[in-house]
C-alpha cells in the first residue's frame, strides 16, 4: 500500500517540475518588454552600413 502513495507523490512532484519547466520555457520565448522603435533601429543600421534609405517619403 505504501508503494501506491510513494508512486502518487513521485508522479505529483514530476508533474510539478514539468509544469515549472514548461512555464519558464514559454516565458523566455516572449517578446521584449516595452515598445520597439523600428524606425530608429532601421536608421541606425542603414547609417552603420552607409546605405541610402530609398523608402523615406520626404
PDB file of N, CA and C in Angstrom:
ATOM      1  N   UNK A   1       0.818  -1.199   0.000  1.00  0.00           N
ATOM      2  CA  UNK A   1       0.000   0.000   0.000  1.00  0.00           C
ATOM      3  C   UNK A   1       0.862   1.263   0.000  1.00  0.00           C
ATOM      4  N   UNK A   2       2.006   1.186   0.681  1.00  0.00           N
ATOM      5  CA  UNK A   2       2.871   2.367   0.748  1.00  0.00           C
ATOM      6  C   UNK A   2       3.436   2.723  -0.621  1.00  0.00           C
ATOM      7  N   UNK A   3       3.633   1.706  -1.466  1.00  0.00           N
ATOM      8  CA  UNK A   3       4.210   1.974  -2.785  1.00  0.00           C
ATOM      9  C   UNK A   3       3.263   2.779  -3.662  1.00  0.00           C
ATOM     10  N   UNK A   4       1.955   2.638  -3.422  1.00  0.00           N
ATOM     11  CA  UNK A   4       0.973   3.419  -4.182  1.00  0.00           C
ATOM     12  C   UNK A   4       1.081   4.890  -3.800  1.00  0.00           C
ATOM     13  N   UNK A   5       1.205   5.151  -2.517  1.00  0.00           N
ATOM     14  CA  UNK A   5       1.346   6.530  -2.041  1.00  0.00           C
ATOM     15  C   UNK A   5       2.655   7.128  -2.549  1.00  0.00           C
ATOM     16  N   UNK A   6       3.737   6.360  -2.486  1.00  0.00           N
ATOM     17  CA  UNK A   6       5.036   6.845  -2.959  1.00  0.00           C
ATOM     18  C   UNK A   6       4.995   7.125  -4.462  1.00  0.00           C
ATOM     19  N   UNK A   7       4.341   6.251  -5.219  1.00  0.00           N
ATOM     20  CA  UNK A   7       4.234   6.455  -6.665  1.00  0.00           C
ATOM     21  C   UNK A   7       3.394   7.690  -6.980  1.00  0.00           C
ATOM     22  N   UNK A   8       2.317   7.886  -6.240  1.00  0.00           N
ATOM     23  CA  UNK A   8       1.467   9.055  -6.455  1.00  0.00           C
ATOM     24  C   UNK A   8       2.219  10.339  -6.125  1.00  0.00           C
ATOM     25  N   UNK A   9       2.975  10.338  -5.043  1.00  0.00           N
ATOM     26  CA  UNK A   9       3.773  11.513  -4.687  1.00  0.00           C
ATOM     27  C   UNK A   9       4.849  11.786  -5.737  1.00  0.00           C
ATOM     28  N   UNK A  10       5.498  10.731  -6.206  1.00  0.00           N
ATOM     29  CA  UNK A  10       6.536  10.901  -7.227  1.00  0.00           C
ATOM     30  C   UNK A  10       5.940  11.461  -8.518  1.00  0.00           C
ATOM     31  N   UNK A  11       4.773  10.979  -8.907  1.00  0.00           N
ATOM     32  CA  UNK A  11       4.126  11.487 -10.115  1.00  0.00           C
ATOM     33  C   UNK A  11       3.693  12.938  -9.929  1.00  0.00           C
ATOM     34  N   UNK A  12       3.241  13.287  -8.738  1.00  0.00           N
ATOM     35  CA  UNK A  12       2.868  14.674  -8.465  1.00  0.00           C
ATOM     36  C   UNK A  12       4.062  15.609  -8.538  1.00  0.00           C
ATOM     37  N   UNK A  13       5.180  15.180  -7.948  1.00  0.00           N
ATOM     38  CA  UNK A  13       6.395  16.001  -8.000  1.00  0.00           C
ATOM     39  C   UNK A  13       6.869  16.133  -9.444  1.00  0.00           C
ATOM     40  N   UNK A  14       6.832  15.044 -10.193  1.00  0.00           N
ATOM     41  CA  UNK A  14       7.243  15.075 -11.596  1.00  0.00           C
ATOM     42  C   UNK A  14       6.351  16.016 -12.412  1.00  0.00           C
ATOM     43  N   UNK A  15       5.060  15.994 -12.156  1.00  0.00           N
ATOM     44  CA  UNK A  15       4.135  16.882 -12.864  1.00  0.00           C
ATOM     45  C   UNK A  15       4.413  18.341 -12.521  1.00  0.00           C
ATOM     46  N   UNK A  16       4.713  18.625 -11.258  1.00  0.00           N
ATOM     47  CA  UNK A  16       5.017  20.000 -10.858  1.00  0.00           C
ATOM     48  C   UNK A  16       6.310  20.491 -11.508  1.00  0.00           C
ATOM     49  N   UNK A  17       7.324  19.639 -11.555  1.00  0.00           N
ATOM     50  CA  UNK A  17       8.592  20.017 -12.190  1.00  0.00           C
ATOM     51  C   UNK A  17       8.378  20.262 -13.678  1.00  0.00           C
ATOM     52  N   UNK A  18       7.615  19.393 -14.340  1.00  0.00           N
ATOM     53  CA  UNK A  18       7.346  19.561 -15.769  1.00  0.00           C
ATOM     54  C   UNK A  18       6.590  20.862 -16.032  1.00  0.00           C
ATOM     55  N   UNK A  19       5.607  21.178 -15.204  1.00  0.00           N
ATOM     56  CA  UNK A  19       4.849  22.420 -15.373  1.00  0.00           C
ATOM     57  C   UNK A  19       5.752  23.632 -15.173  1.00  0.00           C
ATOM     58  N   UNK A  20       6.634  23.583 -14.198  1.00  0.00           N
ATOM     59  CA  UNK A  20       7.559  24.688 -13.939  1.00  0.00           C
ATOM     60  C   UNK A  20       8.503  24.897 -15.120  1.00  0.00           C
ATOM     61  N   UNK A  21       9.044  23.809 -15.652  1.00  0.00           N
ATOM     62  CA  UNK A  21       9.973  23.906 -16.785  1.00  0.00           C
ATOM     63  C   UNK A  21       9.258  24.453 -18.016  1.00  0.00           C
ATOM     64  N   UNK A  22       8.073  23.956 -18.310  1.00  0.00           N
ATOM     65  CA  UNK A  22       7.336  24.422 -19.484  1.00  0.00           C
ATOM     66  C   UNK A  22       6.927  25.885 -19.347  1.00  0.00           C
ATOM     67  N   UNK A  23       6.556  26.298 -18.152  1.00  0.00           N
ATOM     68  CA  UNK A  23       6.164  27.689 -17.952  1.00  0.00           C
ATOM     69  C   UNK A  23       7.350  28.620 -18.148  1.00  0.00           C
ATOM     70  N   UNK A  24       8.512  28.252 -17.621  1.00  0.00           N
ATOM     71  CA  UNK A  24       9.699  29.087 -17.790  1.00  0.00           C
ATOM     72  C   UNK A  24      10.169  29.100 -19.234  1.00  0.00           C
ATOM     73  N   UNK A  25      10.045  28.002 -19.912  1.00  0.00           N
ATOM     74  CA  UNK A  25      10.448  27.929 -21.319  1.00  0.00           C
ATOM     75  C   UNK A  25       9.561  28.836 -22.163  1.00  0.00           C
ATOM     76  N   UNK A  26       8.288  28.840 -21.917  1.00  0.00           N
ATOM     77  CA  UNK A  26       7.351  29.668 -22.663  1.00  0.00           C
ATOM     78  C   UNK A  26       7.592  31.142 -22.377  1.00  0.00           C
ATOM     79  N   UNK A  27       7.964  31.485 -21.152  1.00  0.00           N
ATOM     80  CA  UNK A  27       8.208  32.880 -20.779  1.00  0.00           C
ATOM     81  C   UNK A  27       9.412  33.441 -21.523  1.00  0.00           C
ATOM     82  N   UNK A  28      10.444  32.627 -21.729  1.00  0.00           N
ATOM     83  CA  UNK A  28      11.639  33.091 -22.420  1.00  0.00           C
ATOM     84  C   UNK A  28      11.380  33.340 -23.895  1.00  0.00           C
ATOM     85  N   UNK A  29      10.403  32.697 -24.462  1.00  0.00           N
ATOM     86  CA  UNK A  29      10.127  32.853 -25.881  1.00  0.00           C
ATOM     87  C   UNK A  29       9.298  34.096 -26.177  1.00  0.00           C
ATOM     88  N   UNK A  30       8.899  34.835 -25.161  1.00  0.00           N
ATOM     89  CA  UNK A  30       8.068  36.008 -25.360  1.00  0.00           C
ATOM     90  C   UNK A  30       8.816  37.159 -25.989  1.00  0.00           C
ATOM     91  N   UNK A  31       8.085  38.220 -26.324  1.00  0.00           N
ATOM     92  CA  UNK A  31       8.696  39.388 -26.934  1.00  0.00           C
ATOM     93  C   UNK A  31       9.394  40.239 -25.873  1.00  0.00           C
ATOM     94  N   UNK A  32      10.176  41.160 -26.338  1.00  0.00           N
ATOM     95  CA  UNK A  32      10.900  42.056 -25.444  1.00  0.00           C
ATOM     96  C   UNK A  32       9.907  43.042 -24.849  1.00  0.00           C
ATOM     97  N   UNK A  33       9.948  43.275 -23.540  1.00  0.00           N
ATOM     98  CA  UNK A  33       9.004  44.219 -22.944  1.00  0.00           C
ATOM     99  C   UNK A  33       9.281  45.649 -23.406  1.00  0.00           C
ATOM    100  N   UNK A  34       8.239  46.434 -23.507  1.00  0.00           N
ATOM    101  CA  UNK A  34       8.384  47.824 -23.934  1.00  0.00           C
ATOM    102  C   UNK A  34       8.113  47.976 -25.417  1.00  0.00           C
ATOM    103  N   UNK A  35       8.214  49.216 -25.868  1.00  0.00           N
ATOM    104  CA  UNK A  35       7.962  49.492 -27.285  1.00  0.00           C
ATOM    105  C   UNK A  35       9.267  49.444 -28.062  1.00  0.00           C
ATOM    106  N   UNK A  36       9.231  48.869 -29.249  1.00  0.00           N
ATOM    107  CA  UNK A  36      10.410  48.776 -30.106  1.00  0.00           C
ATOM    108  C   UNK A  36      10.339  49.871 -31.156  1.00  0.00           C
ATOM    109  N   UNK A  37      11.373  50.689 -31.231  1.00  0.00           N
ATOM    110  CA  UNK A  37      11.435  51.782 -32.201  1.00  0.00           C
ATOM    111  C   UNK A  37      12.049  51.253 -33.492  1.00  0.00           C
ATOM    112  N   UNK A  38      11.194  50.767 -34.389  1.00  0.00           N
ATOM    113  CA  UNK A  38      11.692  50.178 -35.631  1.00  0.00           C
ATOM    114  C   UNK A  38      12.386  51.215 -36.508  1.00  0.00           C
ATOM    115  N   UNK A  39      11.814  52.416 -36.590  1.00  0.00           N
ATOM    116  CA  UNK A  39      12.418  53.447 -37.441  1.00  0.00           C
ATOM    117  C   UNK A  39      13.812  53.826 -36.951  1.00  0.00           C
ATOM    118  N   UNK A  40      13.969  53.929 -35.637  1.00  0.00           N
ATOM    119  CA  UNK A  40      15.293  54.237 -35.086  1.00  0.00           C
ATOM    120  C   UNK A  40      16.287  53.124 -35.337  1.00  0.00           C
ATOM    121  N   UNK A  41      15.832  51.901 -35.194  1.00  0.00           N
ATOM    122  CA  UNK A  41      16.705  50.752 -35.442  1.00  0.00           C
ATOM    123  C   UNK A  41      17.127  50.710 -36.907  1.00  0.00           C
ATOM    124  N   UNK A  42      16.158  50.912 -37.797  1.00  0.00           N
ATOM    125  CA  UNK A  42      16.443  50.886 -39.235  1.00  0.00           C
ATOM    126  C   UNK A  42      17.417  52.000 -39.606  1.00  0.00           C
ATOM    127  N   UNK A  43      17.195  53.193 -39.089  1.00  0.00           N
ATOM    128  CA  UNK A  43      18.078  54.322 -39.377  1.00  0.00           C
ATOM    129  C   UNK A  43      19.499  54.039 -38.906  1.00  0.00           C
ATOM    130  N   UNK A  44      19.622  53.470 -37.712  1.00  0.00           N
ATOM    131  CA  UNK A  44      20.949  53.137 -37.193  1.00  0.00           C
ATOM    132  C   UNK A  44      21.655  52.084 -38.033  1.00  0.00           C
ATOM    133  N   UNK A  45      20.920  51.074 -38.454  1.00  0.00           N
ATOM    134  CA  UNK A  45      21.527  50.025 -39.284  1.00  0.00           C
ATOM    135  C   UNK A  45      21.966  50.577 -40.633  1.00  0.00           C
ATOM    136  N   UNK A  46      21.123  51.389 -41.258  1.00  0.00           N
ATOM    137  CA  UNK A  46      21.482  51.945 -42.562  1.00  0.00           C
ATOM    138  C   UNK A  46      22.660  52.904 -42.448  1.00  0.00           C
ATOM    139  N   UNK A  47      22.704  53.682 -41.377  1.00  0.00           N
ATOM    140  CA  UNK A  47      23.820  54.602 -41.173  1.00  0.00           C
ATOM    141  C   UNK A  47      25.115  53.836 -40.973  1.00  0.00           C
ATOM    142  N   UNK A  48      25.059  52.780 -40.194  1.00  0.00           N
ATOM    143  CA  UNK A  48      26.258  51.975 -39.959  1.00  0.00           C
ATOM    144  C   UNK A  48      26.785  51.351 -41.240  1.00  0.00           C
ATOM    145  N   UNK A  49      25.876  50.975 -42.118  1.00  0.00           N
ATOM    146  CA  UNK A  49      26.287  50.308 -43.359  1.00  0.00           C
ATOM    147  C   UNK A  49      26.581  51.295 -44.485  1.00  0.00           C
ATOM    148  N   UNK A  50      26.245  52.564 -44.287  1.00  0.00           N
ATOM    149  CA  UNK A  50      26.488  53.559 -45.323  1.00  0.00           C
ATOM    150  C   UNK A  50      25.556  53.419 -46.511  1.00  0.00           C
ATOM    151  N   UNK A  51      24.320  53.021 -46.251  1.00  0.00           N
ATOM    152  CA  UNK A  51      23.339  52.798 -47.318  1.00  0.00           C
ATOM    153  C   UNK A  51      22.327  53.938 -47.306  1.00  0.00           C
ATOM    154  N   UNK A  52      21.894  54.380 -48.473  1.00  0.00           N
ATOM    155  CA  UNK A  52      20.877  55.415 -48.582  1.00  0.00           C
ATOM    156  C   UNK A  52      19.498  54.784 -48.450  1.00  0.00           C
ATOM    157  N   UNK A  53      18.642  55.395 -47.618  1.00  0.00           N
ATOM    158  CA  UNK A  53      17.292  54.872 -47.399  1.00  0.00           C
ATOM    159  C   UNK A  53      16.360  55.407 -48.477  1.00  0.00           C
ATOM    160  N   UNK A  54      15.967  54.570 -49.419  1.00  0.00           N
ATOM    161  CA  UNK A  54      15.089  54.978 -50.518  1.00  0.00           C
ATOM    162  C   UNK A  54      13.617  54.868 -50.150  1.00  0.00           C
ATOM    163  N   UNK A  55      13.311  54.433 -48.951  1.00  0.00           N
ATOM    164  CA  UNK A  55      11.909  54.245 -48.570  1.00  0.00           C
ATOM    165  C   UNK A  55      11.319  55.465 -47.882  1.00  0.00           C
ATOM    166  N   UNK A  56      12.099  56.515 -47.638  1.00  0.00           N
ATOM    167  CA  UNK A  56      11.571  57.707 -46.967  1.00  0.00           C
ATOM    168  C   UNK A  56      10.665  58.483 -47.918  1.00  0.00           C
ATOM    169  N   UNK A  57       9.637  59.122 -47.350  1.00  0.00           N
ATOM    170  CA  UNK A  57       8.648  59.838 -48.148  1.00  0.00           C
ATOM    171  C   UNK A  57       8.978  61.310 -48.320  1.00  0.00           C
ATOM    172  N   UNK A  58      10.025  61.814 -47.751  1.00  0.00           N
ATOM    173  CA  UNK A  58      10.323  63.247 -47.859  1.00  0.00           C
ATOM    174  C   UNK A  58      11.435  63.540 -48.823  1.00  0.00           C
TER     175      UNK A  58
END
